[in-house]
Protein backbone atom coordinates (compact mmCIF):
# COMPACT_ATOMS: atom_id res chain seq x y z
CA MET A 1 79.39 6.82 -12.27
CA SER A 2 81.49 8.74 -12.15
CA GLU A 3 80.62 12.49 -13.72
CA TRP A 4 82.30 13.08 -17.08
CA TRP A 5 83.86 16.75 -15.90
CA SER A 6 85.74 14.03 -13.02
CA TYR A 7 88.53 13.04 -15.65
CA ARG A 8 91.69 14.36 -16.27
CA LEU A 9 93.74 13.99 -19.83
CA SER A 10 95.49 11.88 -18.67
CA ASP A 11 92.67 9.19 -17.87
CA PHE A 12 92.61 9.78 -22.11
CA LEU A 13 95.86 8.81 -22.58
CA LEU A 14 96.51 4.84 -23.86
CA PHE A 15 100.38 4.42 -23.35
CA SER A 16 103.35 4.30 -20.57
CA PRO A 17 106.12 7.69 -21.03
CA ALA A 18 107.97 4.59 -22.06
CA THR A 19 106.01 2.89 -24.48
CA TYR A 20 106.17 6.18 -26.45
CA PHE A 21 109.02 7.63 -26.49
CA ARG A 22 110.35 3.84 -26.89
CA LEU A 23 107.88 3.26 -30.11
CA PHE A 24 109.83 6.53 -31.60
CA GLU A 25 112.86 4.44 -31.21
CA LEU A 26 112.70 1.63 -33.03
CA HIS A 27 110.72 4.09 -35.70
CA ASN A 28 114.04 4.74 -36.24
CA GLU A 29 116.03 1.91 -35.57
CA THR A 30 113.05 0.20 -38.95
CA LEU A 31 114.12 3.45 -40.87
CA TRP A 32 117.39 3.94 -40.81
CA PRO A 33 119.41 4.77 -43.32
CA TRP A 34 116.96 6.92 -44.21
CA GLN A 35 117.13 9.46 -41.61
CA VAL A 36 120.08 11.11 -43.98
CA ALA A 37 118.03 10.88 -46.97
CA ALA A 38 115.29 13.60 -45.07
CA VAL A 39 117.75 15.24 -43.55
CA ILE A 40 119.25 16.15 -47.59
CA ALA A 41 115.82 16.31 -48.27
CA GLY A 42 115.40 18.66 -45.15
CA ILE A 43 117.74 21.66 -46.27
CA ALA A 44 116.88 21.75 -50.38
CA MET A 45 113.91 23.12 -48.61
CA LEU A 46 115.43 24.98 -46.41
CA ALA A 47 117.83 26.07 -49.48
CA LEU A 48 114.11 27.24 -50.99
CA THR A 49 112.43 28.64 -48.24
CA GLY A 50 110.13 31.45 -49.24
CA GLN A 51 109.26 29.65 -52.05
CA PRO A 52 106.79 27.66 -53.29
CA LEU A 53 108.74 25.41 -54.70
CA ALA A 54 109.51 24.50 -50.98
CA LEU A 55 105.27 22.80 -49.89
CA LEU A 56 106.26 20.45 -52.65
CA PHE A 57 109.32 19.02 -50.02
CA ALA A 58 106.94 19.81 -46.72
CA GLY A 59 103.53 17.84 -48.37
CA ALA A 60 105.50 14.98 -49.22
CA ALA A 61 106.68 14.96 -46.07
CA TRP A 62 103.39 14.84 -44.36
CA LEU A 63 102.15 11.95 -47.13
CA LEU A 64 105.37 10.18 -45.85
CA THR A 65 104.81 11.22 -41.78
CA ALA A 66 101.32 9.80 -42.39
CA TRP A 67 101.63 6.53 -43.80
CA LEU A 68 105.38 5.49 -41.84
CA TRP A 69 104.41 6.58 -38.29
CA GLN A 70 99.91 7.36 -37.81
CA TYR A 71 99.95 4.99 -39.28
CA GLU A 72 102.00 1.73 -39.86
CA ARG A 73 103.85 2.50 -36.37
CA TYR A 74 101.65 5.19 -33.64
CA PHE A 75 98.44 3.20 -35.14
CA THR A 76 100.17 0.43 -32.49
CA ILE A 77 99.88 1.66 -30.30
CA ASN A 78 96.69 4.54 -30.02
CA TRP A 79 93.48 3.76 -32.46
CA SER A 80 93.55 7.50 -32.98
CA ALA A 81 96.10 7.19 -34.77
CA GLU A 82 94.18 6.08 -37.96
CA TRP A 83 92.44 9.35 -38.06
CA LEU A 84 95.53 11.30 -37.92
CA ALA A 85 96.78 9.28 -40.99
CA TYR A 86 94.15 10.63 -42.83
CA GLY A 87 94.47 14.43 -41.19
CA PHE A 88 98.37 14.40 -42.58
CA ALA A 89 97.15 12.87 -45.71
CA LEU A 90 95.85 15.93 -46.70
CA GLN A 91 97.79 18.28 -45.43
CA GLY A 92 100.54 17.59 -47.71
CA LEU A 93 97.76 17.04 -50.53
CA LEU A 94 96.54 20.67 -49.51
CA LEU A 95 100.27 22.17 -49.64
CA TRP A 96 100.52 20.02 -53.48
CA PHE A 97 97.93 21.20 -54.48
CA PHE A 98 98.86 25.40 -53.16
CA ALA A 99 102.19 25.07 -54.66
CA PHE A 100 100.93 26.70 -57.65
CA ASP A 101 98.95 29.10 -56.50
CA ARG A 102 100.34 31.82 -58.45
CA GLU A 103 99.12 34.57 -55.54
CA LEU A 104 101.56 32.78 -53.60
CA ARG A 105 104.49 35.86 -52.74
CA PRO A 106 107.26 35.41 -50.88
CA ALA A 107 106.94 37.24 -46.94
CA GLU A 108 109.03 40.42 -46.05
CA GLY A 109 110.48 41.54 -42.49
CA ARG A 110 110.11 39.48 -38.89
CA SER A 111 107.78 37.16 -40.89
CA ARG A 112 111.02 35.57 -43.11
CA ALA A 113 113.30 35.72 -41.12
CA ALA A 114 111.01 33.84 -38.35
CA GLY A 115 109.23 31.11 -41.00
CA PHE A 116 113.23 30.34 -41.71
CA MET A 117 114.86 29.93 -37.88
CA LEU A 118 111.02 26.98 -37.24
CA VAL A 119 112.94 25.92 -40.38
CA VAL A 120 116.67 25.76 -38.78
CA CYS A 121 115.50 24.67 -35.20
CA ALA A 122 113.17 21.85 -37.11
CA LEU A 123 116.11 20.12 -39.07
CA PHE A 124 119.02 20.41 -36.31
CA LEU A 125 117.94 20.94 -33.16
CA GLN A 126 114.69 19.37 -32.38
CA PRO A 127 116.81 16.03 -33.03
CA LEU A 128 118.63 16.60 -30.24
CA LEU A 129 116.13 17.21 -28.16
CA PRO A 130 116.61 13.75 -26.19
CA TRP A 131 120.18 13.69 -26.21
CA MET A 132 119.68 17.19 -23.78
CA LEU A 133 116.24 15.31 -21.94
CA ASP A 134 119.18 12.56 -21.27
CA ARG A 135 117.39 10.23 -23.06
CA PRO A 136 117.77 7.82 -26.18
CA TRP A 137 119.71 9.78 -28.56
CA GLN A 138 117.99 7.08 -30.90
CA GLN A 139 114.28 8.76 -29.75
CA GLY A 140 114.77 11.66 -32.02
CA GLU A 141 112.57 12.73 -34.80
CA VAL A 142 113.70 13.56 -38.22
CA PHE A 143 111.79 15.74 -40.77
CA ALA A 144 109.46 13.92 -42.57
CA LEU A 145 109.71 10.87 -40.62
CA MET A 146 107.98 12.32 -37.85
CA PRO A 147 105.29 14.70 -36.56
CA GLY A 148 107.14 16.97 -34.89
CA PRO A 149 110.06 18.34 -37.07
CA THR A 150 107.56 17.50 -40.20
CA VAL A 151 105.31 19.93 -38.06
CA VAL A 152 107.67 23.08 -36.96
CA ALA A 153 109.59 23.05 -40.85
CA THR A 154 105.91 22.97 -42.24
CA LEU A 155 104.69 26.43 -40.07
CA GLY A 156 107.59 27.83 -40.79
CA LEU A 157 107.87 27.52 -44.70
CA LEU A 158 103.61 29.04 -43.96
CA LEU A 159 105.53 32.19 -42.52
CA ALA A 160 107.82 32.49 -45.41
CA LEU A 161 104.90 32.63 -48.08
CA ARG A 162 102.25 34.61 -47.83
CA ALA A 163 100.17 31.14 -48.11
CA HIS A 164 97.07 30.53 -48.30
CA TRP A 165 95.05 30.72 -44.73
CA LEU A 166 93.84 27.10 -44.82
CA LEU A 167 97.33 25.43 -44.57
CA LEU A 168 98.05 26.21 -41.08
CA VAL A 169 94.15 24.33 -39.90
CA LEU A 170 95.66 20.97 -39.34
CA PRO A 171 99.68 22.10 -38.33
CA LEU A 172 98.31 24.23 -35.43
CA ILE A 173 95.99 21.10 -34.49
CA TRP A 174 98.81 18.96 -34.21
CA CYS A 175 100.66 21.48 -32.71
CA ALA A 176 97.15 21.11 -29.40
CA ILE A 177 97.30 17.37 -29.72
CA ASP A 178 101.53 17.20 -29.85
CA GLY A 179 101.43 20.12 -26.52
CA ALA A 180 98.30 18.32 -24.55
CA THR A 181 100.17 14.51 -25.34
CA LEU A 182 103.62 15.39 -23.75
CA TRP A 183 101.62 18.12 -20.94
CA THR A 184 99.68 14.65 -20.21
CA MET A 185 102.78 12.23 -19.66
CA LYS A 186 105.11 15.16 -17.78
CA THR A 187 107.47 15.98 -20.36
CA PRO A 188 109.46 19.18 -20.10
CA THR A 189 108.88 20.34 -23.83
CA PHE A 190 105.06 19.97 -23.84
CA TRP A 191 105.88 23.76 -24.54
CA LEU A 192 106.91 24.47 -28.46
CA LEU A 193 105.02 23.16 -30.02
CA PRO A 194 102.00 25.37 -29.30
CA VAL A 195 104.31 28.44 -28.84
CA ALA A 196 105.65 27.69 -32.79
CA GLY A 197 102.31 27.38 -33.61
CA LEU A 198 101.52 31.20 -31.77
CA LEU A 199 104.31 32.34 -32.73
CA THR A 200 103.49 31.24 -36.33
CA LEU A 201 99.21 32.64 -35.51
CA VAL A 202 100.36 35.75 -33.93
CA LEU A 203 103.41 36.71 -37.59
CA ARG A 204 100.86 36.11 -40.20
CA ALA A 205 98.42 39.01 -38.01
CA LEU A 206 100.66 40.64 -37.93
CA SER A 207 101.99 40.36 -41.44
CA THR A 208 98.72 40.27 -42.62
CA LYS A 209 97.62 43.92 -44.83
CA PRO A 210 93.66 45.01 -44.10
CA ARG A 211 92.16 45.76 -47.17
CA GLY A 212 90.97 48.97 -48.35
């Protein structure tokens, strides 16, 4: 029997890259034209970046992604997606809860600017990544309907607000999961979400003022 340390990440992958990205395409085909509504909601959220109300949009996006992608779609090729769905639903509820936190204040300077840019990238750049990588454009990820742009947009909102640190935990965990999955499949964009998560951590740490 092989020792556990002899296994690689690829040994735990339950699907091929072709199956994984084909699922994106099927997901978009099934949900069309709800992508239009998702983009409009994302633009409204972008206009509210730096305001607590934006967290209500993000919370709804996490709940939709938990149901439509993790539970209904991703679960068909990955049994662990049921637990991922629970995590996404929990994050959605946490965002709704903290949206009414009276201590929420807009961030300043580079944190708010970087947060705004992350939201812009999530809404308008991430859906175009398949086209840039010479894959079918129908495989693009759309905010509120798939995890990648939903997580990146949320990190942006949390940078633009002095939100509770608890709200960062699950998005950062997904950044690690997504990065590991894409790296295992040798996808050139594997670094995008981990870098977004690292940027968020660094800027949050730099913007935190020591007490006393």
